[in-house]
Amino acid sequence: MTGRRSVETAIDDTFTKYLTDKGKGDAGEQGAYRADAERELQRFRRWCLGETADPANASPPESWAGVVDGDIVRFADLDTTVFSDYARYLSTAGYAAGTVLTYYAHVASWCGWAHAQGYIPRHYARESDAEDPLPENDGRRPGDQQAWEPIHRDLITQFVDRCVSEAFDALGAIEVPHAERGDPESEAWQAKQRARFEAYQRCREQALVYVVAYTGLRGSEFLSAPKEDREGRNGIRWRDVSFADSSVTVFRKSREWKEASLPEPVIGPLQRYAEVLDVPDSWPVFTTLHRPSLASHVANGLATVGLRDNAIERVRNGAPDLIVAAEHDLDAPKPLTTDGARSIMERLWTHDTLAERRDELDLSLDGDYLELHGGRRGVGEVLVRQFGYAAAARYLDNSEEQVREAYQHIEAAERADMATEAFSQTDHRVNKK
């Protein structure tokens, strides 16, 4: 990196260059985009310097001191946490959701430009931790966003439970003669291994559904975040799970390793999933099952341990690649990504069997399938209603202010009930619910 494009460069020294590149008109000097972008970049700079009150990140708001000690903000001062805090500041400043997203997009666009120009090593503003505080891009009120309800949890968990049971029944029905056990050329042994892999797949789906339904974890905290190649964002490992303590160690949004709870409903599916295939504790809890990726991983791994091509082919013909990788102690395969998990959830929710049941119940859902964030919001709904905002905030690893903002519809309903109760004591035409 040259001195001209260094992390020690003051961020405002690049504003004119960026605006010239992105603005419209001759030399980038005209256009509404330039004016709006310049305004938002200056707002970001003032916030970094602590020149504006920030109720989201400081108490009292006037005590916000910015992200630097001096009067210059350099690229070296920026990281994912800075942009996350700024997103939180914008999100609680009283703007409409669409306005917040527009204002943040201007700053994020400049951050992306700075990354491309070599000022910073990563596009911090578009990493999932940075964008987590931003509102949904749909203009809906907090109470209108998808949140799994008890009926949703019941339907999806009953469905995956039944799938697991059927898979184990099929596995148990296949008998392999003692002399053929472990023989990769035995048709009975091959059928047994295929059924074992089928059971593994169903257990994986079951564990995923239960984790989403009951833990309140963010997808990026237990799955691999595709755009973030760093420790803590590449999926939890079996070594991170403690069945004895009913907990899992995850890399939280605060960029700290913390213990997250595994409620009782999650323990059984996770233990069953762990037992169906004995893998090293360094493996991801949720592995990819992408066939080309696994094929390449296993072929290369077996070659590395000294097997020749004909031996590799014989071994791989005897069992699915994931089982081969586990039984030959190969390196861990890639973890399941958040995108991959969304695809699984969509496939499960739209399965014909489940679709028929949904139609029988005339069940509505905000969205096409049960989404990851909907599971987290559903957990929040239950905890806020049962134990209050403070307890829900601790469980979800959020501030109480953020939880109150996200679930303000609950408090509004409670206030409505309180007002109804009061008026029922004074106005004859008002009845209690």
Protein backbone atom coordinates (compact mmCIF):
# COMPACT_ATOMS: atom_id res chain seq x y z
CA MET A 1 0.00 0.00 0.00
CA THR A 2 1.47 3.35 -0.98
CA GLY A 3 1.72 6.39 1.29
CA ARG A 4 -0.95 8.12 -0.76
CA ARG A 5 -3.43 5.37 0.01
CA SER A 6 -2.68 4.57 3.59
CA VAL A 7 -4.75 3.70 6.64
CA GLU A 8 -3.24 6.85 8.15
CA THR A 9 -5.07 9.02 5.61
CA ALA A 10 -7.70 11.33 7.10
CA ILE A 11 -11.11 10.16 5.90
CA ASP A 12 -12.28 13.64 4.90
CA ASP A 13 -9.27 13.95 2.58
CA THR A 14 -10.97 11.38 0.37
CA PHE A 15 -14.49 12.81 0.31
CA THR A 16 -13.92 15.04 -2.73
CA LYS A 17 -12.27 12.21 -4.69
CA TYR A 18 -15.15 9.89 -3.92
CA LEU A 19 -17.79 12.47 -4.75
CA THR A 20 -16.06 13.28 -8.02
CA ASP A 21 -16.10 9.60 -8.95
CA LYS A 22 -19.70 9.08 -7.94
CA GLY A 23 -21.33 12.45 -8.64
CA LYS A 24 -23.07 13.46 -11.83
CA GLY A 25 -22.30 16.33 -14.14
CA ASP A 26 -18.98 17.78 -15.29
CA ALA A 27 -16.16 16.70 -13.02
CA GLY A 28 -18.75 15.32 -10.64
CA GLU A 29 -19.59 18.79 -9.35
CA GLN A 30 -23.33 18.66 -9.92
CA GLY A 31 -26.21 16.37 -9.18
CA ALA A 32 -28.48 15.59 -6.26
CA TYR A 33 -26.57 12.41 -5.46
CA ARG A 34 -23.38 14.36 -4.78
CA ALA A 35 -25.16 16.79 -2.48
CA ASP A 36 -26.86 14.04 -0.53
CA ALA A 37 -23.72 11.92 -0.29
CA GLU A 38 -21.62 14.86 0.87
CA ARG A 39 -24.16 15.69 3.58
CA GLU A 40 -24.12 12.11 4.89
CA LEU A 41 -20.34 11.79 4.81
CA GLN A 42 -20.04 14.97 6.85
CA ARG A 43 -22.67 13.66 9.27
CA PHE A 44 -20.62 10.47 9.66
CA ARG A 45 -17.43 12.48 10.26
CA ARG A 46 -19.10 14.67 12.90
CA TRP A 47 -20.41 11.56 14.64
CA CYS A 48 -16.93 9.97 14.58
CA LEU A 49 -15.53 13.13 16.20
CA GLY A 50 -18.19 13.15 18.91
CA GLU A 51 -19.69 16.41 17.69
CA THR A 52 -23.26 15.15 17.92
CA ALA A 53 -25.27 13.59 20.72
CA ASP A 54 -25.81 9.84 20.43
CA PRO A 55 -28.54 8.30 22.61
CA ALA A 56 -27.95 4.84 21.10
CA ASN A 57 -24.30 4.50 22.13
CA ALA A 58 -23.91 6.83 25.13
CA SER A 59 -25.80 7.74 28.27
CA PRO A 60 -26.45 10.57 28.60
CA PRO A 61 -26.49 11.15 24.83
CA GLU A 62 -24.39 14.31 25.16
CA SER A 63 -21.53 12.27 26.60
CA TRP A 64 -20.83 10.62 23.23
CA ALA A 65 -17.13 11.24 22.62
CA GLY A 66 -16.78 9.74 19.16
CA VAL A 67 -14.34 7.07 18.05
CA VAL A 68 -11.12 9.11 18.21
CA ASP A 69 -9.36 11.21 20.84
CA GLY A 70 -8.20 13.99 18.53
CA ASP A 71 -9.78 16.06 15.79
CA ILE A 72 -8.82 13.84 12.85
CA VAL A 73 -10.55 10.61 11.86
CA ARG A 74 -8.24 8.30 9.96
CA PHE A 75 -9.02 5.07 8.12
CA ALA A 76 -7.04 3.25 10.81
CA ASP A 77 -9.75 4.29 13.28
CA LEU A 78 -12.49 2.49 11.36
CA ASP A 79 -13.63 -1.09 11.76
CA THR A 80 -16.84 -3.12 11.73
CA THR A 81 -17.80 -1.96 15.23
CA VAL A 82 -17.63 1.70 14.22
CA PHE A 83 -20.08 1.14 11.38
CA SER A 84 -22.30 -1.01 13.58
CA ASP A 85 -22.46 1.76 16.18
CA TYR A 86 -23.19 4.32 13.46
CA ALA A 87 -25.98 2.16 12.05
CA ARG A 88 -27.42 1.95 15.56
CA TYR A 89 -27.16 5.73 15.92
CA LEU A 90 -29.06 6.31 12.67
CA SER A 91 -31.64 3.66 13.50
CA THR A 92 -32.56 5.35 16.79
CA ALA A 93 -32.45 8.95 15.55
CA GLY A 94 -36.16 9.06 14.73
CA TYR A 95 -35.91 8.65 10.96
CA ALA A 96 -38.20 6.39 8.96
CA ALA A 97 -36.71 2.98 8.12
CA GLY A 98 -36.25 3.86 4.46
CA THR A 99 -34.48 7.09 5.38
CA VAL A 100 -32.10 5.28 7.73
CA LEU A 101 -31.20 2.81 5.00
CA THR A 102 -30.65 5.60 2.47
CA TYR A 103 -28.41 7.60 4.79
CA TYR A 104 -26.38 4.53 5.71
CA ALA A 105 -26.11 3.48 2.06
CA HIS A 106 -24.26 6.71 1.22
CA VAL A 107 -21.65 6.02 3.90
CA ALA A 108 -21.44 2.35 2.95
CA SER A 109 -20.88 3.23 -0.69
CA TRP A 110 -17.97 5.47 0.28
CA CYS A 111 -16.58 2.68 2.50
CA GLY A 112 -16.73 0.26 -0.43
CA TRP A 113 -14.98 2.79 -2.64
CA ALA A 114 -12.26 3.26 0.02
CA HIS A 115 -11.75 -0.49 0.18
CA ALA A 116 -11.44 -0.73 -3.59
CA GLN A 117 -8.97 2.15 -3.57
CA GLY A 118 -6.76 0.46 -0.96
CA TYR A 119 -7.38 2.67 2.07
CA ILE A 120 -8.89 -0.10 4.20
CA PRO A 121 -8.50 -3.91 4.09
CA ARG A 122 -12.22 -4.79 4.12
CA HIS A 123 -15.59 -3.33 3.28
CA TYR A 124 -16.49 -2.89 6.94
CA ALA A 125 -19.84 -1.20 6.34
CA ARG A 126 -21.39 -4.20 4.58
CA GLU A 127 -20.30 -6.90 7.01
CA SER A 128 -23.22 -8.53 8.79
CA ASP A 129 -22.23 -7.24 12.24
CA ALA A 130 -22.19 -3.69 10.91
CA GLU A 131 -25.60 -3.95 9.26
CA ASP A 132 -27.32 -5.84 12.07
CA PRO A 133 -28.79 -2.72 13.78
CA LEU A 134 -30.35 -1.46 10.53
CA PRO A 135 -34.13 -1.70 10.14
CA GLU A 136 -35.79 -4.04 7.67
CA ASN A 137 -36.00 -2.67 4.16
CA ASP A 138 -39.76 -3.01 3.80
CA GLY A 139 -41.32 -0.01 5.50
CA ARG A 140 -43.20 -2.23 7.95
CA ARG A 141 -43.76 -1.46 11.60
CA PRO A 142 -41.77 -3.57 14.11
CA GLY A 143 -44.80 -5.71 14.96
CA ASP A 144 -45.41 -6.48 11.29
CA GLN A 145 -42.05 -8.18 10.70
CA GLN A 146 -41.96 -11.97 10.61
CA ALA A 147 -41.86 -13.60 14.01
CA TRP A 148 -42.45 -17.32 14.45
CA GLU A 149 -45.57 -18.00 16.46
CA PRO A 150 -46.18 -21.13 18.57
CA ILE A 151 -48.10 -22.75 15.72
CA HIS A 152 -45.15 -22.17 13.36
CA ARG A 153 -42.71 -23.73 15.82
CA ASP A 154 -45.04 -26.67 16.42
CA LEU A 155 -45.58 -27.40 12.72
CA ILE A 156 -41.96 -27.19 11.61
CA THR A 157 -40.55 -29.11 14.60
CA GLN A 158 -43.17 -31.86 14.31
CA PHE A 159 -42.37 -32.17 10.62
CA VAL A 160 -38.60 -32.54 11.08
CA ASP A 161 -39.16 -34.89 14.05
CA ARG A 162 -41.21 -37.17 11.84
CA CYS A 163 -38.62 -37.06 9.07
CA VAL A 164 -35.88 -38.07 11.51
CA SER A 165 -37.98 -40.93 12.87
CA GLU A 166 -38.68 -42.26 9.37
CA ALA A 167 -35.00 -42.02 8.43
CA PHE A 168 -33.93 -44.06 11.46
CA ASP A 169 -36.64 -46.63 10.77
CA ALA A 170 -35.26 -47.03 7.24
CA LEU A 171 -31.71 -47.27 8.56
CA GLY A 172 -32.66 -49.95 11.08
CA ALA A 173 -34.49 -51.99 8.47
CA ILE A 174 -31.32 -52.62 6.45
CA GLU A 175 -29.40 -55.67 7.61
CA VAL A 176 -25.81 -56.26 6.58
CA PRO A 177 -24.28 -59.73 6.93
CA HIS A 178 -21.45 -59.73 9.42
CA ALA A 179 -18.92 -60.76 6.77
CA GLU A 180 -19.84 -57.79 4.58
CA ARG A 181 -19.66 -55.08 7.21
CA GLY A 182 -17.10 -52.47 6.21
CA ASP A 183 -16.77 -53.89 2.70
CA PRO A 184 -17.14 -50.93 0.30
CA GLU A 185 -18.07 -53.32 -2.53
CA SER A 186 -20.96 -54.90 -0.62
CA GLU A 187 -24.33 -53.72 -1.93
CA ALA A 188 -25.89 -54.21 1.50
CA TRP A 189 -23.14 -52.17 3.13
CA GLN A 190 -23.49 -49.41 0.53
CA ALA A 191 -27.26 -49.28 1.12
CA LYS A 192 -26.64 -49.07 4.87
CA GLN A 193 -24.22 -46.17 4.43
CA ARG A 194 -26.64 -44.32 2.14
CA ALA A 195 -29.38 -44.73 4.75
CA ARG A 196 -26.98 -43.55 7.43
CA PHE A 197 -26.23 -40.43 5.41
CA GLU A 198 -29.97 -39.89 4.91
CA ALA A 199 -30.42 -40.04 8.69
CA TYR A 200 -27.56 -37.56 9.09
CA GLN A 201 -29.22 -35.14 6.70
CA ARG A 202 -32.55 -35.35 8.52
CA CYS A 203 -30.82 -34.87 11.90
CA ARG A 204 -28.97 -31.86 10.52
CA GLU A 205 -32.25 -30.30 9.40
CA GLN A 206 -33.86 -31.07 12.74
CA ALA A 207 -30.99 -29.52 14.70
CA LEU A 208 -31.02 -26.43 12.49
CA VAL A 209 -34.77 -25.92 12.96
CA TYR A 210 -34.57 -26.29 16.74
CA VAL A 211 -31.60 -23.93 17.05
CA VAL A 212 -33.40 -21.27 15.02
CA ALA A 213 -36.71 -21.82 16.82
CA TYR A 214 -35.50 -21.70 20.43
CA THR A 215 -32.05 -20.10 20.86
CA GLY A 216 -32.57 -16.61 19.42
CA LEU A 217 -29.09 -16.75 17.87
CA ARG A 218 -28.34 -14.59 14.86
CA GLY A 219 -27.60 -16.64 11.75
CA SER A 220 -24.08 -15.24 11.51
CA GLU A 221 -23.36 -16.36 15.08
CA PHE A 222 -23.73 -20.09 14.46
CA LEU A 223 -23.48 -20.42 10.66
CA SER A 224 -20.87 -19.26 8.17
CA ALA A 225 -21.35 -15.69 6.97
CA PRO A 226 -20.40 -15.85 3.26
CA LYS A 227 -18.81 -12.38 3.11
CA GLU A 228 -16.82 -12.60 6.35
CA ASP A 229 -13.75 -14.81 6.20
CA ARG A 230 -12.63 -14.44 9.81
CA GLU A 231 -12.65 -16.32 13.08
CA GLY A 232 -16.03 -16.28 14.74
CA ARG A 233 -18.00 -15.93 11.53
CA ASN A 234 -17.29 -19.33 10.01
CA GLY A 235 -19.78 -21.47 11.93
CA ILE A 236 -19.75 -22.93 15.44
CA ARG A 237 -17.72 -26.11 16.02
CA TRP A 238 -18.62 -29.11 18.13
CA ARG A 239 -15.96 -28.05 20.61
CA ASP A 240 -17.99 -24.89 21.21
CA VAL A 241 -21.02 -26.89 22.39
CA SER A 242 -21.38 -27.90 26.04
CA PHE A 243 -24.26 -30.29 26.67
CA ALA A 244 -23.37 -30.35 30.37
CA ASP A 245 -23.87 -26.59 30.67
CA SER A 246 -26.61 -26.32 28.02
CA SER A 247 -24.58 -23.64 26.27
CA VAL A 248 -22.63 -22.82 23.13
CA THR A 249 -19.78 -20.36 22.75
CA VAL A 250 -20.48 -17.87 19.95
CA PHE A 251 -18.89 -14.71 18.57
CA ARG A 252 -21.43 -12.05 19.39
CA LYS A 253 -22.25 -8.84 17.54
CA SER A 254 -20.10 -7.01 20.11
CA ARG A 255 -17.12 -8.94 18.69
CA GLU A 256 -16.73 -10.84 21.95
CA TRP A 257 -16.89 -14.58 22.60
CA LYS A 258 -19.81 -15.27 24.90
CA GLU A 259 -21.83 -18.21 26.17
CA ALA A 260 -25.29 -18.50 24.63
CA SER A 261 -28.02 -20.68 26.10
CA LEU A 262 -29.27 -23.92 24.59
CA PRO A 263 -32.81 -24.42 25.96
CA GLU A 264 -33.99 -27.94 26.76
CA PRO A 265 -35.87 -28.45 23.45
CA VAL A 266 -32.60 -27.96 21.54
CA ILE A 267 -30.49 -30.45 23.51
CA GLY A 268 -32.12 -33.68 22.31
CA PRO A 269 -31.94 -32.91 18.56
CA LEU A 270 -28.34 -31.68 18.87
CA GLN A 271 -27.24 -34.77 20.79
CA ARG A 272 -28.94 -37.09 18.31
CA TYR A 273 -27.26 -35.20 15.48
CA ALA A 274 -23.88 -35.53 17.20
CA GLU A 275 -24.33 -39.28 17.67
CA VAL A 276 -25.44 -40.22 14.15
CA LEU A 277 -21.94 -39.57 12.81
CA ASP A 278 -18.84 -39.48 14.99
CA VAL A 279 -16.80 -36.49 13.84
CA PRO A 280 -13.85 -34.59 15.38
CA ASP A 281 -14.81 -31.68 17.65
CA SER A 282 -13.02 -29.34 15.23
CA TRP A 283 -15.72 -29.96 12.62
CA PRO A 284 -18.50 -27.43 12.09
CA VAL A 285 -21.74 -28.35 13.81
CA PHE A 286 -23.52 -27.59 10.56
CA THR A 287 -21.46 -28.78 7.60
CA THR A 288 -22.04 -28.11 3.94
CA LEU A 289 -23.51 -30.99 1.96
CA HIS A 290 -22.75 -29.35 -1.37
CA ARG A 291 -21.81 -32.39 -3.45
CA PRO A 292 -19.08 -30.88 -5.69
CA SER A 293 -17.40 -29.27 -2.68
CA LEU A 294 -17.47 -32.49 -0.65
CA ALA A 295 -16.30 -34.59 -3.61
CA SER A 296 -13.27 -32.39 -4.14
CA HIS A 297 -12.57 -32.20 -0.40
CA VAL A 298 -12.66 -35.97 0.07
CA ALA A 299 -10.73 -36.86 -3.09
CA ASN A 300 -7.96 -34.41 -2.20
CA GLY A 301 -7.95 -35.50 1.43
CA LEU A 302 -7.62 -39.19 0.64
CA ALA A 303 -4.84 -38.43 -1.84
CA THR A 304 -3.03 -36.43 0.84
CA VAL A 305 -3.03 -39.41 3.22
CA GLY A 306 -1.48 -41.59 0.54
CA LEU A 307 -4.30 -43.40 -1.26
CA ARG A 308 -3.97 -43.98 -4.98
CA ASP A 309 -6.72 -43.18 -7.47
CA ASN A 310 -8.14 -46.70 -7.64
CA ALA A 311 -8.22 -46.96 -3.85
CA ILE A 312 -9.89 -43.56 -3.57
CA GLU A 313 -12.57 -44.60 -6.05
CA ARG A 314 -13.19 -47.86 -4.17
CA VAL A 315 -13.56 -46.06 -0.83
CA ARG A 316 -15.86 -43.38 -2.23
CA ASN A 317 -18.07 -45.96 -3.95
CA GLY A 318 -18.69 -47.58 -0.59
CA ALA A 319 -20.19 -44.58 1.23
CA PRO A 320 -21.26 -40.96 0.72
CA ASP A 321 -18.40 -38.48 0.83
CA LEU A 322 -19.25 -36.95 4.20
CA ILE A 323 -19.15 -40.35 5.89
CA VAL A 324 -15.86 -41.10 4.17
CA ALA A 325 -14.41 -37.82 5.44
CA ALA A 326 -15.48 -38.59 9.01
CA GLU A 327 -14.29 -42.19 9.06
CA HIS A 328 -10.90 -41.35 7.52
CA ASP A 329 -10.28 -38.42 9.90
CA LEU A 330 -9.99 -35.92 7.08
CA ASP A 331 -9.88 -32.18 7.69
CA ALA A 332 -13.19 -30.49 8.44
CA PRO A 333 -15.41 -29.77 5.45
CA LYS A 334 -16.73 -26.28 4.87
CA PRO A 335 -19.48 -25.06 7.19
CA LEU A 336 -23.06 -24.41 6.14
CA THR A 337 -23.62 -20.78 5.15
CA THR A 338 -26.50 -18.53 6.14
CA ASP A 339 -27.66 -18.65 2.51
CA GLY A 340 -27.58 -22.44 2.60
CA ALA A 341 -29.61 -22.47 5.82
CA ARG A 342 -32.22 -20.19 4.26
CA SER A 343 -32.53 -22.61 1.35
CA ILE A 344 -33.07 -25.50 3.77
CA MET A 345 -35.75 -23.60 5.67
CA GLU A 346 -37.52 -22.71 2.44
CA ARG A 347 -37.38 -26.33 1.21
CA LEU A 348 -38.80 -27.64 4.48
CA TRP A 349 -41.61 -25.09 4.72
CA THR A 350 -42.72 -25.66 1.13
CA HIS A 351 -42.58 -29.48 1.34
CA ASP A 352 -45.84 -30.99 0.08
CA THR A 353 -46.63 -32.69 3.39
CA LEU A 354 -46.19 -29.50 5.37
CA ALA A 355 -47.95 -27.41 2.73
CA GLU A 356 -51.04 -29.63 3.01
CA ARG A 357 -51.08 -29.23 6.78
CA ARG A 358 -50.71 -25.46 6.47
CA ASP A 359 -53.65 -25.35 4.06
CA GLU A 360 -55.79 -27.38 6.47
CA LEU A 361 -55.11 -24.85 9.19
CA ASP A 362 -55.47 -21.88 6.81
CA LEU A 363 -52.19 -20.67 8.29
CA SER A 364 -50.84 -17.26 7.28
CA LEU A 365 -47.22 -16.19 7.33
CA ASP A 366 -45.48 -12.90 6.69
CA GLY A 367 -43.13 -14.18 3.98
CA ASP A 368 -42.75 -17.21 1.76
CA TYR A 369 -41.13 -19.44 4.38
CA LEU A 370 -39.92 -19.46 7.98
CA GLU A 371 -36.89 -17.18 7.93
CA LEU A 372 -33.87 -17.19 10.25
CA HIS A 373 -34.54 -13.73 11.62
CA GLY A 374 -38.19 -14.69 12.12
CA GLY A 375 -37.08 -17.43 14.51
CA ARG A 376 -35.03 -14.94 16.52
CA ARG A 377 -37.89 -12.44 16.63
CA GLY A 378 -40.25 -15.20 17.72
CA VAL A 379 -37.97 -16.00 20.65
CA GLY A 380 -37.94 -12.31 21.55
CA GLU A 381 -41.75 -12.14 21.45
CA VAL A 382 -42.05 -15.00 23.95
CA LEU A 383 -39.40 -13.68 26.33
CA VAL A 384 -40.70 -10.09 26.33
CA ARG A 385 -44.24 -11.27 27.07
CA GLN A 386 -43.18 -13.76 29.74
CA PHE A 387 -40.25 -12.05 31.47
CA GLY A 388 -40.08 -8.44 30.29
CA TYR A 389 -37.71 -6.37 28.19
CA ALA A 390 -34.62 -6.55 30.40
CA ALA A 391 -34.58 -10.35 30.54
CA ALA A 392 -35.26 -10.61 26.81
CA ALA A 393 -32.41 -8.18 26.08
CA ARG A 394 -29.94 -10.28 28.09
CA TYR A 395 -30.99 -13.47 26.35
CA LEU A 396 -30.88 -11.93 22.86
CA ASP A 397 -27.59 -10.11 23.55
CA ASN A 398 -29.12 -6.73 22.79
CA SER A 399 -29.60 -3.51 24.71
CA GLU A 400 -32.93 -3.04 26.46
CA GLU A 401 -33.50 0.05 24.28
CA GLN A 402 -33.14 -2.00 21.11
CA VAL A 403 -35.50 -4.67 22.39
CA ARG A 404 -38.09 -2.06 23.37
CA GLU A 405 -37.84 -0.56 19.90
CA ALA A 406 -38.14 -3.93 18.18
CA TYR A 407 -41.10 -5.10 20.28
CA GLN A 408 -42.82 -1.79 20.91
CA HIS A 409 -46.09 -3.23 19.61
CA ILE A 410 -46.26 -5.42 22.74
CA GLU A 411 -45.93 -2.42 25.04
CA ALA A 412 -48.46 -0.49 22.97
CA ALA A 413 -50.99 -3.31 23.39
CA GLU A 414 -50.33 -3.42 27.13
CA ARG A 415 -50.87 0.34 27.39
CA ALA A 416 -54.11 -0.01 25.45
CA ASP A 417 -55.30 -2.64 27.93
CA MET A 418 -54.33 -0.36 30.82
CA ALA A 419 -56.27 2.55 29.32
CA THR A 420 -59.29 0.32 28.71
CA GLU A 421 -59.17 -0.83 32.32
CA ALA A 422 -59.04 2.78 33.53
CA PHE A 423 -61.91 3.98 31.35
CA SER A 424 -64.02 0.97 32.30
CA GLN A 425 -64.00 2.31 35.85
CA THR A 426 -65.23 5.75 34.84
CA ASP A 427 -67.20 5.43 31.59
CA HIS A 428 -70.25 3.20 31.47
CA ARG A 429 -69.93 2.64 27.74
CA VAL A 430 -66.43 1.17 28.07
CA ASN A 431 -66.25 -2.50 28.92
CA LYS A 432 -63.30 -4.54 30.08
CA LYS A 433 -61.87 -7.03 27.65
